[in-house]
């Protein structure tokens, strides 16, 4: 029996990046929700399951790290993939197998590799 689709919440204030990530995830069995602002993302997370948060770190309203902390309080089993053009190894929020960082720009293969690390197969 097939595994149920996971819900991915993608948050970025750049509409092109939202569309790009949606295209990259299209080949996977995901339910994809998008939000241009953290407040939109939190509204979605309060009413729907979130298995994975993919968020830019630099966002209006609150940064992606704070957003991920709030999402993880709502969905403790969720995984987080934070992306940034100013990736800094020392800025890691949490050292966890459930939290990964990805530098912009990235290739589809980079995103898919990070997803495979967060959700290893059987």
C-alpha atoms as a PDB file:
ATOM      1  CA  UNK A   1       0.000   0.000   0.000  1.00  0.00           C
ATOM      2  CA  UNK A   2       1.309   3.458  -0.889  1.00  0.00           C
ATOM      3  CA  UNK A   3       2.430   5.812   1.829  1.00  0.00           C
ATOM      4  CA  UNK A   4       0.039   8.774   2.275  1.00  0.00           C
ATOM      5  CA  UNK A   5       1.107  12.059   0.734  1.00  0.00           C
ATOM      6  CA  UNK A   6       3.065  14.368   2.989  1.00  0.00           C
ATOM      7  CA  UNK A   7       2.096  18.015   3.277  1.00  0.00           C
ATOM      8  CA  UNK A   8       4.808  20.531   2.476  1.00  0.00           C
ATOM      9  CA  UNK A   9       4.443  24.189   3.417  1.00  0.00           C
ATOM     10  CA  UNK A  10       6.703  26.439   1.334  1.00  0.00           C
ATOM     11  CA  UNK A  11       7.261  29.990   2.600  1.00  0.00           C
ATOM     12  CA  UNK A  12       9.099  32.654   0.629  1.00  0.00           C
ATOM     13  CA  UNK A  13       8.347  36.297  -0.089  1.00  0.00           C
ATOM     14  CA  UNK A  14       9.747  35.822  -3.620  1.00  0.00           C
ATOM     15  CA  UNK A  15       6.899  34.550  -5.829  1.00  0.00           C
ATOM     16  CA  UNK A  16       9.383  33.185  -8.391  1.00  0.00           C
ATOM     17  CA  UNK A  17      11.039  31.074  -5.698  1.00  0.00           C
ATOM     18  CA  UNK A  18       7.645  29.750  -4.577  1.00  0.00           C
ATOM     19  CA  UNK A  19       6.836  28.677  -8.144  1.00  0.00           C
ATOM     20  CA  UNK A  20      10.297  27.183  -8.634  1.00  0.00           C
ATOM     21  CA  UNK A  21      10.124  25.075  -5.474  1.00  0.00           C
ATOM     22  CA  UNK A  22       6.601  23.943  -6.408  1.00  0.00           C
ATOM     23  CA  UNK A  23       7.937  22.795  -9.797  1.00  0.00           C
ATOM     24  CA  UNK A  24      10.848  21.001  -8.140  1.00  0.00           C
ATOM     25  CA  UNK A  25       8.481  19.161  -5.770  1.00  0.00           C
ATOM     26  CA  UNK A  26       5.935  18.320  -8.457  1.00  0.00           C
ATOM     27  CA  UNK A  27       7.527  14.935  -9.197  1.00  0.00           C
ATOM     28  CA  UNK A  28       7.134  13.840  -5.571  1.00  0.00           C
ATOM     29  CA  UNK A  29       3.953  12.667  -3.878  1.00  0.00           C
ATOM     30  CA  UNK A  30       3.437  15.850  -1.822  1.00  0.00           C
ATOM     31  CA  UNK A  31       0.493  18.054  -1.018  1.00  0.00           C
ATOM     32  CA  UNK A  32       2.036  21.492  -1.493  1.00  0.00           C
ATOM     33  CA  UNK A  33       0.868  24.630   0.307  1.00  0.00           C
ATOM     34  CA  UNK A  34       2.550  27.981  -0.371  1.00  0.00           C
ATOM     35  CA  UNK A  35       2.657  31.182   1.643  1.00  0.00           C
ATOM     36  CA  UNK A  36       4.353  34.496   0.814  1.00  0.00           C
ATOM     37  CA  UNK A  37       4.436  35.634   4.460  1.00  0.00           C
ATOM     38  CA  UNK A  38       4.923  33.957   7.848  1.00  0.00           C
ATOM     39  CA  UNK A  39       1.458  35.068   8.999  1.00  0.00           C
ATOM     40  CA  UNK A  40      -0.063  33.230   6.013  1.00  0.00           C
ATOM     41  CA  UNK A  41       2.030  30.166   6.811  1.00  0.00           C
ATOM     42  CA  UNK A  42       0.885  30.148  10.441  1.00  0.00           C
ATOM     43  CA  UNK A  43      -2.769  30.390   9.379  1.00  0.00           C
ATOM     44  CA  UNK A  44      -2.276  27.364   7.140  1.00  0.00           C
ATOM     45  CA  UNK A  45      -0.396  25.428   9.848  1.00  0.00           C
ATOM     46  CA  UNK A  46      -3.147  26.085  12.396  1.00  0.00           C
ATOM     47  CA  UNK A  47      -5.751  24.376  10.221  1.00  0.00           C
ATOM     48  CA  UNK A  48      -3.823  21.771   8.204  1.00  0.00           C
ATOM     49  CA  UNK A  49      -1.138  19.171   8.832  1.00  0.00           C
ATOM     50  CA  UNK A  50       2.454  20.110   8.040  1.00  0.00           C
ATOM     51  CA  UNK A  51       5.026  17.366   7.550  1.00  0.00           C
ATOM     52  CA  UNK A  52       7.711  19.613   6.107  1.00  0.00           C
ATOM     53  CA  UNK A  53       8.325  23.357   6.257  1.00  0.00           C
ATOM     54  CA  UNK A  54      10.545  24.773   3.517  1.00  0.00           C
ATOM     55  CA  UNK A  55      11.223  28.389   4.405  1.00  0.00           C
ATOM     56  CA  UNK A  56      13.490  31.202   3.399  1.00  0.00           C
ATOM     57  CA  UNK A  57      15.349  32.560   6.420  1.00  0.00           C
ATOM     58  CA  UNK A  58      15.017  36.232   5.413  1.00  0.00           C
ATOM     59  CA  UNK A  59      11.286  36.977   5.526  1.00  0.00           C
ATOM     60  CA  UNK A  60       9.125  39.979   6.407  1.00  0.00           C
ATOM     61  CA  UNK A  61       7.274  39.841   9.758  1.00  0.00           C
ATOM     62  CA  UNK A  62       9.627  37.256  11.311  1.00  0.00           C
ATOM     63  CA  UNK A  63      12.634  35.306  10.127  1.00  0.00           C
ATOM     64  CA  UNK A  64      12.433  31.711   8.980  1.00  0.00           C
ATOM     65  CA  UNK A  65      14.069  30.425  12.158  1.00  0.00           C
ATOM     66  CA  UNK A  66      11.360  31.938  14.374  1.00  0.00           C
ATOM     67  CA  UNK A  67       8.690  30.730  11.957  1.00  0.00           C
ATOM     68  CA  UNK A  68      10.097  27.204  12.084  1.00  0.00           C
ATOM     69  CA  UNK A  69      10.040  27.257  15.907  1.00  0.00           C
ATOM     70  CA  UNK A  70       6.355  28.228  15.820  1.00  0.00           C
ATOM     71  CA  UNK A  71       5.529  25.590  13.201  1.00  0.00           C
ATOM     72  CA  UNK A  72       7.351  22.917  15.219  1.00  0.00           C
ATOM     73  CA  UNK A  73       5.275  23.819  18.293  1.00  0.00           C
ATOM     74  CA  UNK A  74       2.124  23.241  16.229  1.00  0.00           C
ATOM     75  CA  UNK A  75       3.517  20.133  14.477  1.00  0.00           C
ATOM     76  CA  UNK A  76       6.279  18.577  16.624  1.00  0.00           C
ATOM     77  CA  UNK A  77       6.872  15.745  14.159  1.00  0.00           C
ATOM     78  CA  UNK A  78       7.487  18.057  11.212  1.00  0.00           C
ATOM     79  CA  UNK A  79      10.811  18.449   9.441  1.00  0.00           C
ATOM     80  CA  UNK A  80      12.289  21.825   8.487  1.00  0.00           C
ATOM     81  CA  UNK A  81      14.378  22.889   5.509  1.00  0.00           C
ATOM     82  CA  UNK A  82      15.633  26.464   5.838  1.00  0.00           C
ATOM     83  CA  UNK A  83      17.038  28.132   2.724  1.00  0.00           C
ATOM     84  CA  UNK A  84      19.106  31.281   2.479  1.00  0.00           C
ATOM     85  CA  UNK A  85      21.363  33.192   0.159  1.00  0.00           C
ATOM     86  CA  UNK A  86      23.454  34.127   3.192  1.00  0.00           C
ATOM     87  CA  UNK A  87      23.909  30.631   4.566  1.00  0.00           C
ATOM     88  CA  UNK A  88      26.223  30.604   7.561  1.00  0.00           C
ATOM     89  CA  UNK A  89      27.235  27.352   9.225  1.00  0.00           C
ATOM     90  CA  UNK A  90      27.303  29.153  12.590  1.00  0.00           C
ATOM     91  CA  UNK A  91      23.696  30.334  12.256  1.00  0.00           C
ATOM     92  CA  UNK A  92      22.234  26.885  12.737  1.00  0.00           C
ATOM     93  CA  UNK A  93      19.054  27.014  14.761  1.00  0.00           C
ATOM     94  CA  UNK A  94      19.080  23.460  16.041  1.00  0.00           C
ATOM     95  CA  UNK A  95      21.377  20.558  15.478  1.00  0.00           C
ATOM     96  CA  UNK A  96      18.830  17.960  14.507  1.00  0.00           C
ATOM     97  CA  UNK A  97      18.174  15.332  11.881  1.00  0.00           C
ATOM     98  CA  UNK A  98      14.777  17.023  11.397  1.00  0.00           C
ATOM     99  CA  UNK A  99      16.275  20.447  10.517  1.00  0.00           C
ATOM    100  CA  UNK A 100      18.400  21.014   7.409  1.00  0.00           C
ATOM    101  CA  UNK A 101      19.850  24.082   5.705  1.00  0.00           C
ATOM    102  CA  UNK A 102      20.202  24.715   1.983  1.00  0.00           C
ATOM    103  CA  UNK A 103      22.088  27.581   0.347  1.00  0.00           C
ATOM    104  CA  UNK A 104      20.530  29.608  -2.463  1.00  0.00           C
ATOM    105  CA  UNK A 105      20.813  29.253  -5.331  1.00  0.00           C
ATOM    106  CA  UNK A 106      20.289  25.514  -5.419  1.00  0.00           C
ATOM    107  CA  UNK A 107      19.626  22.911  -8.075  1.00  0.00           C
ATOM    108  CA  UNK A 108      16.592  20.602  -8.037  1.00  0.00           C
ATOM    109  CA  UNK A 109      18.954  17.736  -7.184  1.00  0.00           C
ATOM    110  CA  UNK A 110      20.115  19.629  -4.058  1.00  0.00           C
ATOM    111  CA  UNK A 111      16.526  20.062  -2.883  1.00  0.00           C
ATOM    112  CA  UNK A 112      15.636  16.441  -3.583  1.00  0.00           C
ATOM    113  CA  UNK A 113      18.778  15.218  -1.775  1.00  0.00           C
ATOM    114  CA  UNK A 114      17.813  17.291   1.296  1.00  0.00           C
ATOM    115  CA  UNK A 115      14.306  15.797   1.178  1.00  0.00           C
ATOM    116  CA  UNK A 116      15.763  12.284   0.990  1.00  0.00           C
ATOM    117  CA  UNK A 117      17.852  13.054   4.093  1.00  0.00           C
ATOM    118  CA  UNK A 118      14.808  14.357   5.954  1.00  0.00           C
ATOM    119  CA  UNK A 119      12.529  11.506   4.815  1.00  0.00           C
ATOM    120  CA  UNK A 120      14.720   8.448   4.207  1.00  0.00           C
ATOM    121  CA  UNK A 121      13.029   5.605   2.376  1.00  0.00           C
ATOM    122  CA  UNK A 122      12.307   2.187   3.869  1.00  0.00           C
END
